[in-house]
Amino acid sequence: MRGSFRAGSLVFFLSLCVFFATGAIGAQGAVDTQAEGEEEQLKNYVYDPTGKTDPFKPFIITEEEMAAKKKRKPRTYLETLDISQLDLIAIIVGPRGNFAMVRDAKGLGFVIRKGTPIGINGGVVKRITEKEVIIQEGHKEISKKLSSLR
């Protein structure tokens, strides 16, 4: 009984080896034809860098580079001042729109309205209400409230 079991398992093992060997040979032929097709495509390929990132630039841009890109030369005196250097003096609400007056540390007054560029960080007057002026710098909003005059 043992001899027939060994002989049967040997035959089974050999048949498995033959089965996998013929399958691998057939698969090798398919791989060869696929490789030939890929080689042919590579010969005809031309790299077009349009719209692609530069592979030699780092993915993480330093804050200094971002700040240099965002900064632009100030066009008005208000763009050379930090918002904390300005005091809100008056707000005028009317049918032609809302206006506000701010004063710098030197005592100079400026009239601002919605859309006026202001501050060293690229701020813009977003909204003027009866009691406050809202200035947006990037994603940050700054509110200057009207205080009573001394």
Protein backbone atom coordinates (compact mmCIF):
# COMPACT_ATOMS: atom_id res chain seq x y z
CA MET A 1 0.00 0.00 0.00
CA ARG A 2 2.81 2.34 0.83
CA GLY A 3 4.55 1.77 -2.49
CA SER A 4 1.41 2.54 -4.50
CA PHE A 5 0.83 5.71 -2.43
CA ARG A 6 4.36 6.87 -3.11
CA ALA A 7 4.12 6.02 -6.78
CA GLY A 8 0.74 7.82 -7.06
CA SER A 9 2.02 10.92 -5.30
CA LEU A 10 5.15 10.90 -7.48
CA VAL A 11 3.02 10.72 -10.63
CA PHE A 12 0.80 13.51 -9.31
CA PHE A 13 3.83 15.67 -8.49
CA LEU A 14 5.40 15.08 -11.91
CA SER A 15 2.15 15.90 -13.69
CA LEU A 16 1.90 19.15 -11.72
CA CYS A 17 5.46 20.03 -12.72
CA VAL A 18 4.72 19.37 -16.38
CA PHE A 19 1.48 21.36 -16.16
CA PHE A 20 3.15 24.42 -14.65
CA ALA A 21 6.17 24.16 -16.96
CA THR A 22 3.99 24.22 -20.09
CA GLY A 23 1.90 27.07 -18.65
CA ALA A 24 5.05 29.06 -17.90
CA ILE A 25 6.34 28.49 -21.43
CA GLY A 26 3.03 29.75 -22.89
CA ALA A 27 3.05 32.71 -20.56
CA GLN A 28 6.66 33.48 -21.46
CA GLY A 29 5.63 33.76 -25.10
CA ALA A 30 2.88 36.21 -24.18
CA VAL A 31 5.31 38.24 -22.09
CA ASP A 32 7.79 38.35 -24.97
CA THR A 33 5.19 39.73 -27.40
CA GLN A 34 4.05 42.28 -24.83
CA ALA A 35 7.66 43.39 -24.24
CA GLU A 36 8.20 43.81 -27.97
CA GLY A 37 5.11 46.05 -28.19
CA GLU A 38 6.32 48.18 -25.28
CA GLU A 39 9.78 48.55 -26.82
CA GLU A 40 8.19 49.74 -30.04
CA GLN A 41 6.13 52.33 -28.15
CA LEU A 42 9.22 53.57 -26.30
CA LYS A 43 11.08 54.09 -29.58
CA ASN A 44 8.28 56.37 -30.84
CA TYR A 45 7.75 58.26 -27.53
CA VAL A 46 8.53 61.98 -27.32
CA TYR A 47 8.39 63.71 -23.91
CA ASP A 48 6.25 66.85 -23.75
CA PRO A 49 6.82 68.85 -20.53
CA THR A 50 3.91 71.25 -21.15
CA GLY A 51 1.72 71.53 -18.05
CA LYS A 52 3.86 69.15 -15.98
CA THR A 53 5.77 69.95 -12.82
CA ASP A 54 9.53 70.30 -12.90
CA PRO A 55 10.96 67.04 -11.49
CA PHE A 56 14.04 68.86 -10.18
CA LYS A 57 12.13 71.41 -8.05
CA PRO A 58 11.36 70.45 -4.45
CA PHE A 59 7.72 69.65 -3.66
CA ILE A 60 7.78 71.74 -0.50
CA ILE A 61 8.25 75.41 -1.23
CA THR A 62 9.86 77.34 1.55
CA GLU A 63 7.93 80.15 3.20
CA GLU A 64 10.46 82.65 1.95
CA GLU A 65 9.76 81.76 -1.68
CA MET A 66 6.01 81.99 -1.10
CA ALA A 67 6.40 85.37 0.60
CA ALA A 68 8.55 86.64 -2.27
CA LYS A 69 5.89 85.61 -4.80
CA LYS A 70 3.02 87.17 -2.88
CA LYS A 71 4.75 90.44 -2.06
CA ARG A 72 4.39 93.20 -4.54
CA LYS A 73 5.51 96.77 -4.47
CA PRO A 74 3.14 99.06 -2.60
CA ARG A 75 1.33 101.51 -4.87
CA THR A 76 -0.08 103.76 -2.16
CA TYR A 77 1.07 105.06 1.20
CA LEU A 78 -1.61 102.97 2.96
CA GLU A 79 0.02 99.81 1.58
CA THR A 80 3.30 100.69 3.32
CA LEU A 81 1.69 100.78 6.79
CA ASP A 82 0.76 97.90 9.06
CA ILE A 83 -2.93 97.85 9.94
CA SER A 84 -2.06 98.12 13.63
CA GLN A 85 -0.54 101.55 12.90
CA LEU A 86 -3.89 102.93 11.72
CA ASP A 87 -6.72 104.31 13.87
CA LEU A 88 -10.31 104.34 12.66
CA ILE A 89 -11.58 107.91 13.05
CA ALA A 90 -14.95 108.10 11.30
CA ILE A 91 -17.45 106.06 9.27
CA ILE A 92 -19.86 107.64 6.80
CA VAL A 93 -22.86 105.57 5.72
CA GLY A 94 -24.80 106.95 2.76
CA PRO A 95 -26.71 106.11 -0.40
CA ARG A 96 -23.55 106.40 -2.53
CA GLY A 97 -21.78 103.83 -0.40
CA ASN A 98 -19.97 103.58 2.89
CA PHE A 99 -16.71 105.40 3.54
CA ALA A 100 -14.34 105.48 6.49
CA MET A 101 -11.49 107.68 7.61
CA VAL A 102 -8.31 106.28 9.12
CA ARG A 103 -5.37 108.11 10.66
CA ASP A 104 -1.75 107.00 10.82
CA ALA A 105 0.78 107.64 13.63
CA LYS A 106 1.87 110.92 12.01
CA GLY A 107 -1.68 112.25 12.18
CA LEU A 108 -2.36 112.03 8.43
CA GLY A 109 -5.94 111.07 7.54
CA PHE A 110 -7.06 108.90 4.64
CA VAL A 111 -10.52 108.13 3.24
CA ILE A 112 -11.07 104.46 2.45
CA ARG A 113 -13.95 102.49 0.96
CA LYS A 114 -14.72 98.91 -0.06
CA GLY A 115 -11.91 97.55 -2.25
CA THR A 116 -9.20 99.96 -1.05
CA PRO A 117 -5.80 98.19 -0.75
CA ILE A 118 -4.41 98.68 2.75
CA GLY A 119 -1.65 97.22 4.91
CA ILE A 120 1.73 95.62 4.27
CA ASN A 121 0.28 92.09 3.95
CA GLY A 122 -1.84 92.75 0.87
CA GLY A 123 -5.01 93.63 2.74
CA VAL A 124 -8.17 94.92 1.09
CA VAL A 125 -11.15 96.65 2.70
CA LYS A 126 -13.84 93.99 2.47
CA ARG A 127 -16.79 95.70 4.14
CA ILE A 128 -17.67 98.92 5.96
CA THR A 129 -20.62 98.83 8.36
CA GLU A 130 -21.99 101.50 10.73
CA LYS A 131 -19.63 100.46 13.52
CA GLU A 132 -16.65 98.69 11.97
CA VAL A 133 -14.35 98.29 8.97
CA ILE A 134 -13.40 94.73 7.97
CA ILE A 135 -10.08 94.25 6.19
CA GLN A 136 -9.11 90.91 4.66
CA GLU A 137 -5.46 89.83 4.43
CA GLY A 138 -5.27 86.47 2.66
CA HIS A 139 -7.53 84.15 4.68
CA LYS A 140 -7.43 86.33 7.81
CA GLU A 141 -10.02 89.03 8.50
CA ILE A 142 -9.20 92.01 10.70
CA SER A 143 -11.87 94.19 12.21
CA LYS A 144 -11.35 97.79 13.30
CA LYS A 145 -14.24 99.06 15.44
CA LEU A 146 -15.17 102.66 15.78
CA SER A 147 -14.37 103.88 19.27
CA SER A 148 -15.69 107.00 20.84
CA LEU A 149 -13.53 110.06 20.34
CA ARG A 150 -11.64 111.31 23.39
